[in-house]
Structures are given as structure tokens and as C-alpha cells.
Amino acid sequence: MFATEGHFRLAANKYLTQRRNRYFKSNFGASPNVCAVTWNMFGLGDDNGGVEFKYLLWALLFLKTYAVLSVLASAVGVTANTFRKYLWPMVGRIAGLAPKVVSFLSCRLRLTTMH
């Protein structure tokens, strides 16, 4: 699902079948499997509350590239206002997962080994 949508939303090329996961990850910063796990962690239920999985891809694209919104909106084929409308709530959802997926112990260990 995520691989198909991700490749559809960005300009696909003829080499896509050979480099599918690498291409996806280079654009979104995560594999299709990680996207699926993230989506499931949102716990939206069957109706998804009007949230579509493409909005997760938009948010990941923004977080990966940190490009100007008008450029990203153009890349996915929507207006900047539409992109912005769905971007920030999804970024908030992603940020809300931090307590579930970020281990305090691993962060602490990483900080102590950096000094």
C-alpha cells in the first residue's frame, strides 16, 4: 500500500522496479514497512477518521527534505494550502508516537557515549 502510493505520488522512472525500496526510503526517510507500522500505531480504526495514508507520506516527505511547502505540494499534485492543511496534523501524530517508540534508556546511552 505505502510503496504503491509513494511511488505514484512522486515521478516514477523506468528503473523504479529495480530500486523500489531504496527509492522510497530516499524520498520518505523510511521503508514501506516502517510506514505501515507507523500507520497502525496511530490506531485510527476502520474509517481512519478522514485521514488518508498519503498524508503520512506527505509528512515524511516534508520531514525528510524540509523543502518549501509549495515545492512539496507541487511534487504531490496539490495546492500549498491543501498540503499544509494535512501536513501539520500528521506531523503532530508522528510526534505523538515518540513516547511509544523512543526508548529513554537508548537515548541516555547514546548521550553518554557521545561525550
Protein backbone atom coordinates (compact mmCIF):
# COMPACT_ATOMS: atom_id res chain seq x y z
CA MET A 1 0.00 0.00 0.00
CA PHE A 2 2.63 2.58 1.03
CA ALA A 3 5.10 1.58 -1.66
CA THR A 4 2.44 1.91 -4.36
CA GLU A 5 1.19 5.27 -3.11
CA GLY A 6 4.68 6.64 -2.54
CA HIS A 7 5.87 5.74 -5.98
CA PHE A 8 2.70 7.05 -7.56
CA ARG A 9 2.89 10.40 -5.79
CA LEU A 10 6.41 11.14 -6.92
CA ALA A 11 7.54 10.96 -10.51
CA ALA A 12 8.32 7.32 -11.18
CA ASN A 13 11.02 6.32 -13.61
CA LYS A 14 11.74 3.17 -15.59
CA TYR A 15 14.30 1.95 -13.05
CA LEU A 16 11.80 2.03 -10.21
CA THR A 17 11.18 -1.71 -10.18
CA GLN A 18 14.89 -2.36 -9.65
CA ARG A 19 15.35 0.18 -6.88
CA ARG A 20 11.91 0.33 -5.38
CA ASN A 21 12.65 0.28 -1.64
CA ARG A 22 15.78 2.39 -1.93
CA TYR A 23 13.90 4.98 -3.99
CA PHE A 24 11.04 5.00 -1.50
CA LYS A 25 13.33 5.35 1.50
CA SER A 26 15.40 8.09 -0.12
CA ASN A 27 12.24 10.15 -0.60
CA PHE A 28 10.43 9.45 2.64
CA GLY A 29 13.20 8.50 5.05
CA ALA A 30 11.51 5.23 5.97
CA SER A 31 10.73 1.93 4.30
CA PRO A 32 7.18 0.97 3.29
CA ASN A 33 7.16 -1.48 6.23
CA VAL A 34 8.05 1.25 8.72
CA CYS A 35 5.28 3.41 7.22
CA ALA A 36 2.79 0.58 7.69
CA VAL A 37 3.83 0.06 11.31
CA THR A 38 3.61 3.80 11.95
CA TRP A 39 0.16 3.96 10.36
CA ASN A 40 -1.06 1.07 12.50
CA MET A 41 0.32 2.74 15.64
CA PHE A 42 -1.96 5.72 15.02
CA GLY A 43 -4.90 3.42 15.85
CA LEU A 44 -7.36 5.28 13.65
CA GLY A 45 -9.80 2.41 13.28
CA ASP A 46 -11.62 1.23 10.18
CA ASP A 47 -12.89 4.61 8.99
CA ASN A 48 -9.50 6.32 9.59
CA GLY A 49 -11.29 9.47 10.73
CA GLY A 50 -10.87 11.05 7.31
CA VAL A 51 -7.10 10.63 7.48
CA GLU A 52 -5.55 9.05 4.39
CA PHE A 53 -2.22 7.26 4.37
CA LYS A 54 -0.94 9.61 1.68
CA TYR A 55 -0.89 12.33 4.37
CA LEU A 56 1.64 10.27 6.31
CA LEU A 57 3.78 10.13 3.18
CA TRP A 58 3.45 13.88 2.74
CA ALA A 59 4.59 14.43 6.33
CA LEU A 60 7.52 12.05 5.93
CA LEU A 61 8.50 13.75 2.68
CA PHE A 62 8.47 17.11 4.45
CA LEU A 63 10.43 15.82 7.44
CA LYS A 64 12.99 14.16 5.15
CA THR A 65 13.54 17.09 2.78
CA TYR A 66 12.37 20.10 4.80
CA ALA A 67 11.65 21.74 1.45
CA VAL A 68 9.40 24.74 0.85
CA LEU A 69 5.75 23.70 1.10
CA SER A 70 4.88 24.98 -2.37
CA VAL A 71 7.59 22.74 -3.86
CA LEU A 72 6.36 19.68 -1.97
CA ALA A 73 2.74 20.44 -2.81
CA SER A 74 3.65 20.63 -6.48
CA ALA A 75 5.55 17.33 -6.22
CA VAL A 76 2.47 15.52 -4.91
CA GLY A 77 -0.02 17.36 -7.12
CA VAL A 78 -1.95 19.54 -4.67
CA THR A 79 -2.04 23.20 -3.71
CA ALA A 80 0.18 24.53 -0.94
CA ASN A 81 -2.92 25.19 1.20
CA THR A 82 -4.10 21.60 0.85
CA PHE A 83 -0.63 20.28 1.63
CA ARG A 84 -0.39 22.49 4.72
CA LYS A 85 -3.90 21.52 5.88
CA TYR A 86 -2.96 17.85 6.14
CA LEU A 87 0.75 18.18 6.87
CA TRP A 88 0.76 19.65 10.36
CA PRO A 89 -1.85 17.37 11.95
CA MET A 90 0.10 14.37 10.63
CA VAL A 91 3.41 15.73 11.91
CA GLY A 92 1.68 16.08 15.28
CA ARG A 93 0.53 12.46 15.12
CA ILE A 94 4.06 11.32 14.33
CA ALA A 95 5.46 13.38 17.19
CA GLY A 96 2.83 11.86 19.48
CA LEU A 97 4.31 8.43 18.87
CA ALA A 98 7.66 9.40 20.40
CA PRO A 99 6.86 8.06 23.88
CA LYS A 100 5.92 4.71 22.33
CA VAL A 101 8.88 4.29 20.01
CA VAL A 102 11.76 6.22 21.56
CA SER A 103 13.43 4.47 24.42
CA PHE A 104 14.64 6.76 27.19
CA LEU A 105 17.37 4.27 28.01
CA SER A 106 18.70 4.17 24.44
CA CYS A 107 18.70 7.98 24.27
CA ARG A 108 20.54 8.18 27.57
CA LEU A 109 23.10 5.60 26.46
CA ARG A 110 23.64 7.42 23.20
CA LEU A 111 24.18 10.73 25.01
CA THR A 112 26.67 9.27 27.47
CA THR A 113 28.72 7.63 24.72
CA MET A 114 28.90 10.85 22.71
CA HIS A 115 30.92 12.74 25.35
